[in-house]
PDB file of N, CA and C in Angstrom:
ATOM      1  N   MET A   1      -2.891  15.257  -0.133  1.00  0.00           N
ATOM      2  CA  MET A   1      -3.914  14.194  -0.143  1.00  0.00           C
ATOM      3  C   MET A   1      -4.226  13.813   1.228  1.00  0.00           C
ATOM      4  N   GLU A   2      -5.484  13.750   1.560  1.00  0.00           N
ATOM      5  CA  GLU A   2      -5.945  13.284   2.865  1.00  0.00           C
ATOM      6  C   GLU A   2      -5.621  11.755   3.110  1.00  0.00           C
ATOM      7  N   ARG A   3      -5.510  11.471   4.328  1.00  0.00           N
ATOM      8  CA  ARG A   3      -5.167  10.028   4.668  1.00  0.00           C
ATOM      9  C   ARG A   3      -6.245   9.127   4.126  1.00  0.00           C
ATOM     10  N   SER A   4      -7.505   9.429   4.192  1.00  0.00           N
ATOM     11  CA  SER A   4      -8.619   8.584   3.762  1.00  0.00           C
ATOM     12  C   SER A   4      -8.524   8.426   2.271  1.00  0.00           C
ATOM     13  N   GLU A   5      -8.093   9.372   1.546  1.00  0.00           N
ATOM     14  CA  GLU A   5      -7.906   9.270   0.105  1.00  0.00           C
ATOM     15  C   GLU A   5      -6.747   8.381  -0.222  1.00  0.00           C
ATOM     16  N   LEU A   6      -5.666   8.481   0.511  1.00  0.00           N
ATOM     17  CA  LEU A   6      -4.463   7.667   0.371  1.00  0.00           C
ATOM     18  C   LEU A   6      -4.747   6.167   0.654  1.00  0.00           C
ATOM     19  N   VAL A   7      -5.580   5.916   1.709  1.00  0.00           N
ATOM     20  CA  VAL A   7      -5.921   4.596   2.029  1.00  0.00           C
ATOM     21  C   VAL A   7      -6.854   3.983   0.968  1.00  0.00           C
ATOM     22  N   ALA A   8      -7.678   4.860   0.410  1.00  0.00           N
ATOM     23  CA  ALA A   8      -8.544   4.375  -0.746  1.00  0.00           C
ATOM     24  C   ALA A   8      -7.711   3.998  -1.921  1.00  0.00           C
ATOM     25  N   VAL A   9      -6.600   4.764  -2.222  1.00  0.00           N
ATOM     26  CA  VAL A   9      -5.720   4.400  -3.264  1.00  0.00           C
ATOM     27  C   VAL A   9      -5.024   3.022  -3.046  1.00  0.00           C
ATOM     28  N   ILE A  10      -4.620   2.855  -1.833  1.00  0.00           N
ATOM     29  CA  ILE A  10      -3.906   1.620  -1.434  1.00  0.00           C
ATOM     30  C   ILE A  10      -4.949   0.465  -1.564  1.00  0.00           C
ATOM     31  N   ASP A  11      -6.229   0.675  -1.117  1.00  0.00           N
ATOM     32  CA  ASP A  11      -7.241  -0.344  -1.269  1.00  0.00           C
ATOM     33  C   ASP A  11      -7.467  -0.746  -2.685  1.00  0.00           C
ATOM     34  N   ARG A  12      -7.541   0.285  -3.570  1.00  0.00           N
ATOM     35  CA  ARG A  12      -7.742  -0.047  -5.060  1.00  0.00           C
ATOM     36  C   ARG A  12      -6.535  -0.827  -5.564  1.00  0.00           C
ATOM     37  N   SER A  13      -5.345  -0.425  -5.190  1.00  0.00           N
ATOM     38  CA  SER A  13      -4.185  -1.195  -5.622  1.00  0.00           C
ATOM     39  C   SER A  13      -4.133  -2.570  -5.192  1.00  0.00           C
ATOM     40  N   ILE A  14      -4.585  -2.819  -3.903  1.00  0.00           N
ATOM     41  CA  ILE A  14      -4.594  -4.234  -3.414  1.00  0.00           C
ATOM     42  C   ILE A  14      -5.668  -4.959  -4.226  1.00  0.00           C
ATOM     43  N   VAL A  15      -6.761  -4.412  -4.436  1.00  0.00           N
ATOM     44  CA  VAL A  15      -7.832  -5.081  -5.254  1.00  0.00           C
ATOM     45  C   VAL A  15      -7.256  -5.432  -6.646  1.00  0.00           C
ATOM     46  N   GLU A  16      -6.525  -4.455  -7.235  1.00  0.00           N
ATOM     47  CA  GLU A  16      -5.910  -4.724  -8.595  1.00  0.00           C
ATOM     48  C   GLU A  16      -4.926  -5.876  -8.511  1.00  0.00           C
ATOM     49  N   VAL A  17      -4.038  -5.975  -7.489  1.00  0.00           N
ATOM     50  CA  VAL A  17      -3.040  -7.009  -7.374  1.00  0.00           C
ATOM     51  C   VAL A  17      -3.709  -8.368  -7.140  1.00  0.00           C
ATOM     52  N   ARG A  18      -4.694  -8.372  -6.234  1.00  0.00           N
ATOM     53  CA  ARG A  18      -5.342  -9.574  -5.946  1.00  0.00           C
ATOM     54  C   ARG A  18      -6.373 -10.022  -6.981  1.00  0.00           C
ATOM     55  N   GLN A  19      -6.667  -9.075  -7.858  1.00  0.00           N
ATOM     56  CA  GLN A  19      -7.648  -9.297  -8.986  1.00  0.00           C
ATOM     57  C   GLN A  19      -9.030  -9.734  -8.417  1.00  0.00           C
ATOM     58  N   GLY A  20      -9.397  -8.961  -7.349  1.00  0.00           N
ATOM     59  CA  GLY A  20     -10.718  -9.182  -6.777  1.00  0.00           C
ATOM     60  C   GLY A  20     -10.877  -8.414  -5.534  1.00  0.00           C
ATOM     61  N   GLU A  21     -12.122  -8.201  -5.173  1.00  0.00           N
ATOM     62  CA  GLU A  21     -12.516  -7.383  -3.963  1.00  0.00           C
ATOM     63  C   GLU A  21     -11.901  -8.109  -2.756  1.00  0.00           C
ATOM     64  N   VAL A  22     -11.679  -7.329  -1.703  1.00  0.00           N
ATOM     65  CA  VAL A  22     -11.107  -7.785  -0.405  1.00  0.00           C
ATOM     66  C   VAL A  22     -12.118  -7.265   0.622  1.00  0.00           C
ATOM     67  N   PRO A  23     -13.021  -8.166   1.124  1.00  0.00           N
ATOM     68  CA  PRO A  23     -14.043  -7.698   2.039  1.00  0.00           C
ATOM     69  C   PRO A  23     -13.393  -7.347   3.347  1.00  0.00           C
ATOM     70  N   GLY A  24     -13.882  -6.267   4.044  1.00  0.00           N
ATOM     71  CA  GLY A  24     -13.379  -5.895   5.361  1.00  0.00           C
ATOM     72  C   GLY A  24     -11.957  -5.315   5.414  1.00  0.00           C
ATOM     73  N   LEU A  25     -11.612  -4.724   4.278  1.00  0.00           N
ATOM     74  CA  LEU A  25     -10.184  -4.149   4.173  1.00  0.00           C
ATOM     75  C   LEU A  25     -10.114  -2.877   5.051  1.00  0.00           C
ATOM     76  N   THR A  26      -9.320  -2.873   6.106  1.00  0.00           N
ATOM     77  CA  THR A  26      -9.118  -1.746   6.960  1.00  0.00           C
ATOM     78  C   THR A  26      -7.672  -1.500   7.137  1.00  0.00           C
ATOM     79  N   GLU A  27      -7.338  -0.429   7.817  1.00  0.00           N
ATOM     80  CA  GLU A  27      -5.890  -0.107   8.058  1.00  0.00           C
ATOM     81  C   GLU A  27      -5.184  -1.188   8.825  1.00  0.00           C
ATOM     82  N   GLU A  28      -5.919  -1.945   9.626  1.00  0.00           N
ATOM     83  CA  GLU A  28      -5.307  -2.981  10.466  1.00  0.00           C
ATOM     84  C   GLU A  28      -5.019  -4.287   9.752  1.00  0.00           C
ATOM     85  N   VAL A  29      -5.463  -4.446   8.458  1.00  0.00           N
ATOM     86  CA  VAL A  29      -5.289  -5.694   7.713  1.00  0.00           C
ATOM     87  C   VAL A  29      -3.837  -5.725   7.352  1.00  0.00           C
ATOM     88  N   ARG A  30      -3.219  -6.930   7.688  1.00  0.00           N
ATOM     89  CA  ARG A  30      -1.810  -7.236   7.499  1.00  0.00           C
ATOM     90  C   ARG A  30      -1.665  -7.803   6.090  1.00  0.00           C
ATOM     91  N   LEU A  31      -0.747  -7.175   5.371  1.00  0.00           N
ATOM     92  CA  LEU A  31      -0.577  -7.604   3.924  1.00  0.00           C
ATOM     93  C   LEU A  31      -0.057  -8.971   3.787  1.00  0.00           C
ATOM     94  N   MET A  32       0.878  -9.410   4.622  1.00  0.00           N
ATOM     95  CA  MET A  32       1.462 -10.730   4.410  1.00  0.00           C
ATOM     96  C   MET A  32       0.671 -11.779   5.154  1.00  0.00           C
ATOM     97  N   GLU A  33       0.313 -11.519   6.370  1.00  0.00           N
ATOM     98  CA  GLU A  33      -0.363 -12.575   7.147  1.00  0.00           C
ATOM     99  C   GLU A  33      -1.822 -12.636   6.764  1.00  0.00           C
ATOM    100  N   ASP A  34      -2.576 -11.637   6.575  1.00  0.00           N
ATOM    101  CA  ASP A  34      -3.957 -11.716   6.319  1.00  0.00           C
ATOM    102  C   ASP A  34      -4.258 -11.825   4.813  1.00  0.00           C
ATOM    103  N   LEU A  35      -3.517 -11.129   3.928  1.00  0.00           N
ATOM    104  CA  LEU A  35      -3.763 -11.179   2.530  1.00  0.00           C
ATOM    105  C   LEU A  35      -2.839 -12.140   1.805  1.00  0.00           C
ATOM    106  N   HIS A  36      -1.880 -12.716   2.493  1.00  0.00           N
ATOM    107  CA  HIS A  36      -0.915 -13.662   1.976  1.00  0.00           C
ATOM    108  C   HIS A  36      -0.116 -13.093   0.851  1.00  0.00           C
ATOM    109  N   PHE A  37       0.271 -11.839   0.892  1.00  0.00           N
ATOM    110  CA  PHE A  37       1.100 -11.249  -0.088  1.00  0.00           C
ATOM    111  C   PHE A  37       2.507 -11.763   0.077  1.00  0.00           C
ATOM    112  N   ASP A  38       3.113 -12.142  -1.089  1.00  0.00           N
ATOM    113  CA  ASP A  38       4.519 -12.471  -1.181  1.00  0.00           C
ATOM    114  C   ASP A  38       5.387 -11.362  -1.721  1.00  0.00           C
ATOM    115  N   SER A  39       6.640 -11.605  -1.907  1.00  0.00           N
ATOM    116  CA  SER A  39       7.461 -10.488  -2.473  1.00  0.00           C
ATOM    117  C   SER A  39       6.991 -10.069  -3.865  1.00  0.00           C
ATOM    118  N   THR A  40       6.492 -11.007  -4.667  1.00  0.00           N
ATOM    119  CA  THR A  40       6.014 -10.574  -5.979  1.00  0.00           C
ATOM    120  C   THR A  40       4.744  -9.740  -5.874  1.00  0.00           C
ATOM    121  N   ALA A  41       3.857 -10.092  -5.032  1.00  0.00           N
ATOM    122  CA  ALA A  41       2.614  -9.264  -4.807  1.00  0.00           C
ATOM    123  C   ALA A  41       2.993  -7.927  -4.276  1.00  0.00           C
ATOM    124  N   ILE A  42       3.985  -7.880  -3.355  1.00  0.00           N
ATOM    125  CA  ILE A  42       4.393  -6.468  -2.844  1.00  0.00           C
ATOM    126  C   ILE A  42       5.000  -5.620  -3.953  1.00  0.00           C
ATOM    127  N   LEU A  43       5.763  -6.220  -4.885  1.00  0.00           N
ATOM    128  CA  LEU A  43       6.290  -5.501  -5.936  1.00  0.00           C
ATOM    129  C   LEU A  43       5.203  -5.053  -6.894  1.00  0.00           C
ATOM    130  N   GLU A  44       4.208  -5.859  -7.158  1.00  0.00           N
ATOM    131  CA  GLU A  44       3.088  -5.467  -7.970  1.00  0.00           C
ATOM    132  C   GLU A  44       2.337  -4.273  -7.319  1.00  0.00           C
ATOM    133  N   LEU A  45       2.146  -4.425  -6.014  1.00  0.00           N
ATOM    134  CA  LEU A  45       1.512  -3.381  -5.183  1.00  0.00           C
ATOM    135  C   LEU A  45       2.205  -1.989  -5.378  1.00  0.00           C
ATOM    136  N   LEU A  46       3.603  -2.066  -5.227  1.00  0.00           N
ATOM    137  CA  LEU A  46       4.389  -0.919  -5.445  1.00  0.00           C
ATOM    138  C   LEU A  46       4.204  -0.280  -6.785  1.00  0.00           C
ATOM    139  N   MET A  47       4.210  -1.100  -7.783  1.00  0.00           N
ATOM    140  CA  MET A  47       4.143  -0.590  -9.177  1.00  0.00           C
ATOM    141  C   MET A  47       2.740   0.027  -9.308  1.00  0.00           C
ATOM    142  N   SER A  48       1.704  -0.532  -8.756  1.00  0.00           N
ATOM    143  CA  SER A  48       0.374   0.019  -8.875  1.00  0.00           C
ATOM    144  C   SER A  48       0.200   1.329  -8.137  1.00  0.00           C
ATOM    145  N   LEU A  49       0.839   1.391  -7.000  1.00  0.00           N
ATOM    146  CA  LEU A  49       0.880   2.679  -6.215  1.00  0.00           C
ATOM    147  C   LEU A  49       1.578   3.743  -6.996  1.00  0.00           C
ATOM    148  N   GLU A  50       2.789   3.371  -7.584  1.00  0.00           N
ATOM    149  CA  GLU A  50       3.494   4.418  -8.282  1.00  0.00           C
ATOM    150  C   GLU A  50       2.654   4.986  -9.445  1.00  0.00           C
ATOM    151  N   ASP A  51       1.942   4.119 -10.140  1.00  0.00           N
ATOM    152  CA  ASP A  51       1.074   4.537 -11.251  1.00  0.00           C
ATOM    153  C   ASP A  51      -0.079   5.353 -10.719  1.00  0.00           C
ATOM    154  N   SER A  52      -0.695   4.891  -9.636  1.00  0.00           N
ATOM    155  CA  SER A  52      -1.902   5.624  -9.096  1.00  0.00           C
ATOM    156  C   SER A  52      -1.516   6.990  -8.523  1.00  0.00           C
ATOM    157  N   LEU A  53      -0.413   7.060  -7.892  1.00  0.00           N
ATOM    158  CA  LEU A  53       0.017   8.294  -7.197  1.00  0.00           C
ATOM    159  C   LEU A  53       0.993   9.136  -8.008  1.00  0.00           C
ATOM    160  N   ASN A  54       1.360   8.628  -9.130  1.00  0.00           N
ATOM    161  CA  ASN A  54       2.330   9.347 -10.036  1.00  0.00           C
ATOM    162  C   ASN A  54       3.558   9.674  -9.295  1.00  0.00           C
ATOM    163  N   ILE A  55       4.179   8.619  -8.602  1.00  0.00           N
ATOM    164  CA  ILE A  55       5.421   8.789  -7.871  1.00  0.00           C
ATOM    165  C   ILE A  55       6.360   7.672  -8.272  1.00  0.00           C
ATOM    166  N   GLU A  56       7.588   7.837  -7.777  1.00  0.00           N
ATOM    167  CA  GLU A  56       8.569   6.815  -8.047  1.00  0.00           C
ATOM    168  C   GLU A  56       9.138   6.403  -6.616  1.00  0.00           C
ATOM    169  N   ILE A  57       8.995   5.126  -6.339  1.00  0.00           N
ATOM    170  CA  ILE A  57       9.455   4.629  -5.031  1.00  0.00           C
ATOM    171  C   ILE A  57      10.754   3.873  -5.279  1.00  0.00           C
ATOM    172  N   ASP A  58      11.793   4.202  -4.473  1.00  0.00           N
ATOM    173  CA  ASP A  58      13.074   3.556  -4.556  1.00  0.00           C
ATOM    174  C   ASP A  58      13.107   2.251  -3.776  1.00  0.00           C
ATOM    175  N   ALA A  59      13.055   1.165  -4.402  1.00  0.00           N
ATOM    176  CA  ALA A  59      12.926  -0.143  -3.697  1.00  0.00           C
ATOM    177  C   ALA A  59      14.074  -0.366  -2.807  1.00  0.00           C
ATOM    178  N   GLU A  60      15.268   0.221  -3.100  1.00  0.00           N
ATOM    179  CA  GLU A  60      16.454   0.055  -2.332  1.00  0.00           C
ATOM    180  C   GLU A  60      16.339   0.625  -0.885  1.00  0.00           C
ATOM    181  N   THR A  61      15.451   1.615  -0.741  1.00  0.00           N
ATOM    182  CA  THR A  61      15.326   2.301   0.579  1.00  0.00           C
ATOM    183  C   THR A  61      14.160   1.822   1.386  1.00  0.00           C
ATOM    184  N   LEU A  62      13.433   0.823   0.833  1.00  0.00           N
ATOM    185  CA  LEU A  62      12.231   0.318   1.545  1.00  0.00           C
ATOM    186  C   LEU A  62      12.632  -0.639   2.647  1.00  0.00           C
ATOM    187  N   SER A  63      11.726  -0.663   3.586  1.00  0.00           N
ATOM    188  CA  SER A  63      11.808  -1.690   4.683  1.00  0.00           C
ATOM    189  C   SER A  63      10.566  -2.465   4.679  1.00  0.00           C
ATOM    190  N   MET A  64      10.716  -3.716   4.929  1.00  0.00           N
ATOM    191  CA  MET A  64       9.491  -4.558   4.908  1.00  0.00           C
ATOM    192  C   MET A  64       8.539  -4.175   6.045  1.00  0.00           C
ATOM    193  N   ASP A  65       8.996  -3.428   7.038  1.00  0.00           N
ATOM    194  CA  ASP A  65       8.120  -2.917   8.056  1.00  0.00           C
ATOM    195  C   ASP A  65       6.991  -1.982   7.517  1.00  0.00           C
ATOM    196  N   TYR A  66       7.282  -1.321   6.319  1.00  0.00           N
ATOM    197  CA  TYR A  66       6.259  -0.493   5.707  1.00  0.00           C
ATOM    198  C   TYR A  66       5.079  -1.336   5.210  1.00  0.00           C
ATOM    199  N   PHE A  67       5.291  -2.588   5.089  1.00  0.00           N
ATOM    200  CA  PHE A  67       4.260  -3.540   4.458  1.00  0.00           C
ATOM    201  C   PHE A  67       3.622  -4.344   5.502  1.00  0.00           C
ATOM    202  N   ALA A  68       3.788  -3.992   6.762  1.00  0.00           N
ATOM    203  CA  ALA A  68       3.189  -4.825   7.866  1.00  0.00           C
ATOM    204  C   ALA A  68       1.617  -4.787   7.717  1.00  0.00           C
ATOM    205  N   SER A  69       1.123  -3.575   7.422  1.00  0.00           N
ATOM    206  CA  SER A  69      -0.352  -3.477   7.283  1.00  0.00           C
ATOM    207  C   SER A  69      -0.653  -2.301   6.368  1.00  0.00           C
ATOM    208  N   VAL A  70      -1.945  -2.247   6.030  1.00  0.00           N
ATOM    209  CA  VAL A  70      -2.465  -1.118   5.184  1.00  0.00           C
ATOM    210  C   VAL A  70      -2.067   0.187   5.852  1.00  0.00           C
ATOM    211  N   GLY A  71      -2.266   0.246   7.213  1.00  0.00           N
ATOM    212  CA  GLY A  71      -1.982   1.439   7.928  1.00  0.00           C
ATOM    213  C   GLY A  71      -0.496   1.892   7.866  1.00  0.00           C
ATOM    214  N   SER A  72       0.398   0.851   7.991  1.00  0.00           N
ATOM    215  CA  SER A  72       1.850   1.176   8.004  1.00  0.00           C
ATOM    216  C   SER A  72       2.286   1.592   6.611  1.00  0.00           C
ATOM    217  N   LEU A  73       1.605   1.040   5.539  1.00  0.00           N
ATOM    218  CA  LEU A  73       1.954   1.509   4.269  1.00  0.00           C
ATOM    219  C   LEU A  73       1.411   2.885   4.009  1.00  0.00           C
ATOM    220  N   ALA A  74       0.285   3.220   4.558  1.00  0.00           N
ATOM    221  CA  ALA A  74      -0.264   4.591   4.419  1.00  0.00           C
ATOM    222  C   ALA A  74       0.714   5.560   5.164  1.00  0.00           C
ATOM    223  N   ASP A  75       1.272   5.149   6.344  1.00  0.00           N
ATOM    224  CA  ASP A  75       2.135   5.999   7.068  1.00  0.00           C
ATOM    225  C   ASP A  75       3.353   6.296   6.221  1.00  0.00           C
ATOM    226  N   TYR A  76       3.987   5.306   5.593  1.00  0.00           N
ATOM    227  CA  TYR A  76       5.091   5.399   4.775  1.00  0.00           C
ATOM    228  C   TYR A  76       4.820   6.481   3.578  1.00  0.00           C
ATOM    229  N   LEU A  77       3.736   6.210   2.960  1.00  0.00           N
ATOM    230  CA  LEU A  77       3.414   6.999   1.766  1.00  0.00           C
ATOM    231  C   LEU A  77       2.979   8.368   2.168  1.00  0.00           C
ATOM    232  N   THR A  78       2.415   8.587   3.279  1.00  0.00           N
ATOM    233  CA  THR A  78       2.159   9.897   3.862  1.00  0.00           C
ATOM    234  C   THR A  78       3.401  10.695   4.082  1.00  0.00           C
ATOM    235  N   THR A  79       4.443  10.033   4.610  1.00  0.00           N
ATOM    236  CA  THR A  79       5.761  10.693   4.811  1.00  0.00           C
ATOM    237  C   THR A  79       6.422  10.954   3.551  1.00  0.00           C
ATOM    238  N   MET A  80       6.336  10.013   2.637  1.00  0.00           N
ATOM    239  CA  MET A  80       6.971  10.211   1.318  1.00  0.00           C
ATOM    240  C   MET A  80       6.343  11.383   0.494  1.00  0.00           C
ATOM    241  N   LEU A  81       5.049  11.463   0.656  1.00  0.00           N
ATOM    242  CA  LEU A  81       4.367  12.465  -0.153  1.00  0.00           C
ATOM    243  C   LEU A  81       4.389  13.823   0.588  1.00  0.00           C
ATOM    244  N   GLY A  82       4.764  13.828   1.824  1.00  0.00           N
ATOM    245  CA  GLY A  82       4.791  15.061   2.593  1.00  0.00           C
ATOM    246  C   GLY A  82       3.368  15.489   2.965  1.00  0.00           C
ATOM    247  N   ALA A  83       2.435  14.542   2.986  1.00  0.00           N
ATOM    248  CA  ALA A  83       1.087  14.903   3.207  1.00  0.00           C
ATOM    249  C   ALA A  83       0.791  14.945   4.737  1.00  0.00           C
ATOM    250  N   PRO A  84      -0.257  15.670   5.201  1.00  0.00           N
ATOM    251  CA  PRO A  84      -0.614  15.671   6.605  1.00  0.00           C
ATOM    252  C   PRO A  84      -1.151  14.254   7.008  1.00  0.00           C
ATOM    253  N   ALA A  85      -0.734  13.860   8.228  1.00  0.00           N
ATOM    254  CA  ALA A  85      -1.158  12.546   8.702  1.00  0.00           C
ATOM    255  C   ALA A  85      -2.539  12.499   9.204  1.00  0.00           C
TER     256      ALA A  85
END
C-alpha cells in the first residue's frame, strides 16, 4: 500500500471517529493537541484502522508516540504492514 493510500485510510478513520469531516487534515495534524483525541478516541481509531486495513494491532506494544500526528501514525502502520515508506 502506498503511503498516500495509507494516509487516506487514516483520514477516513479519523472522520469516522469524530463523526464528521476534518478540514485541512494533513500529516502534520496532531491527534491529541489539534483534534483533541483522548484515550477513548485513540482506541476507536485503532479499531477503525484494524477493520479498514484488515490487521490486528497489539495495544500492549503501542507507544503514544505513534499517535503524535497523522504522519507518525502512518509511519507506524507503514512499518507494521512492511510497506514502502
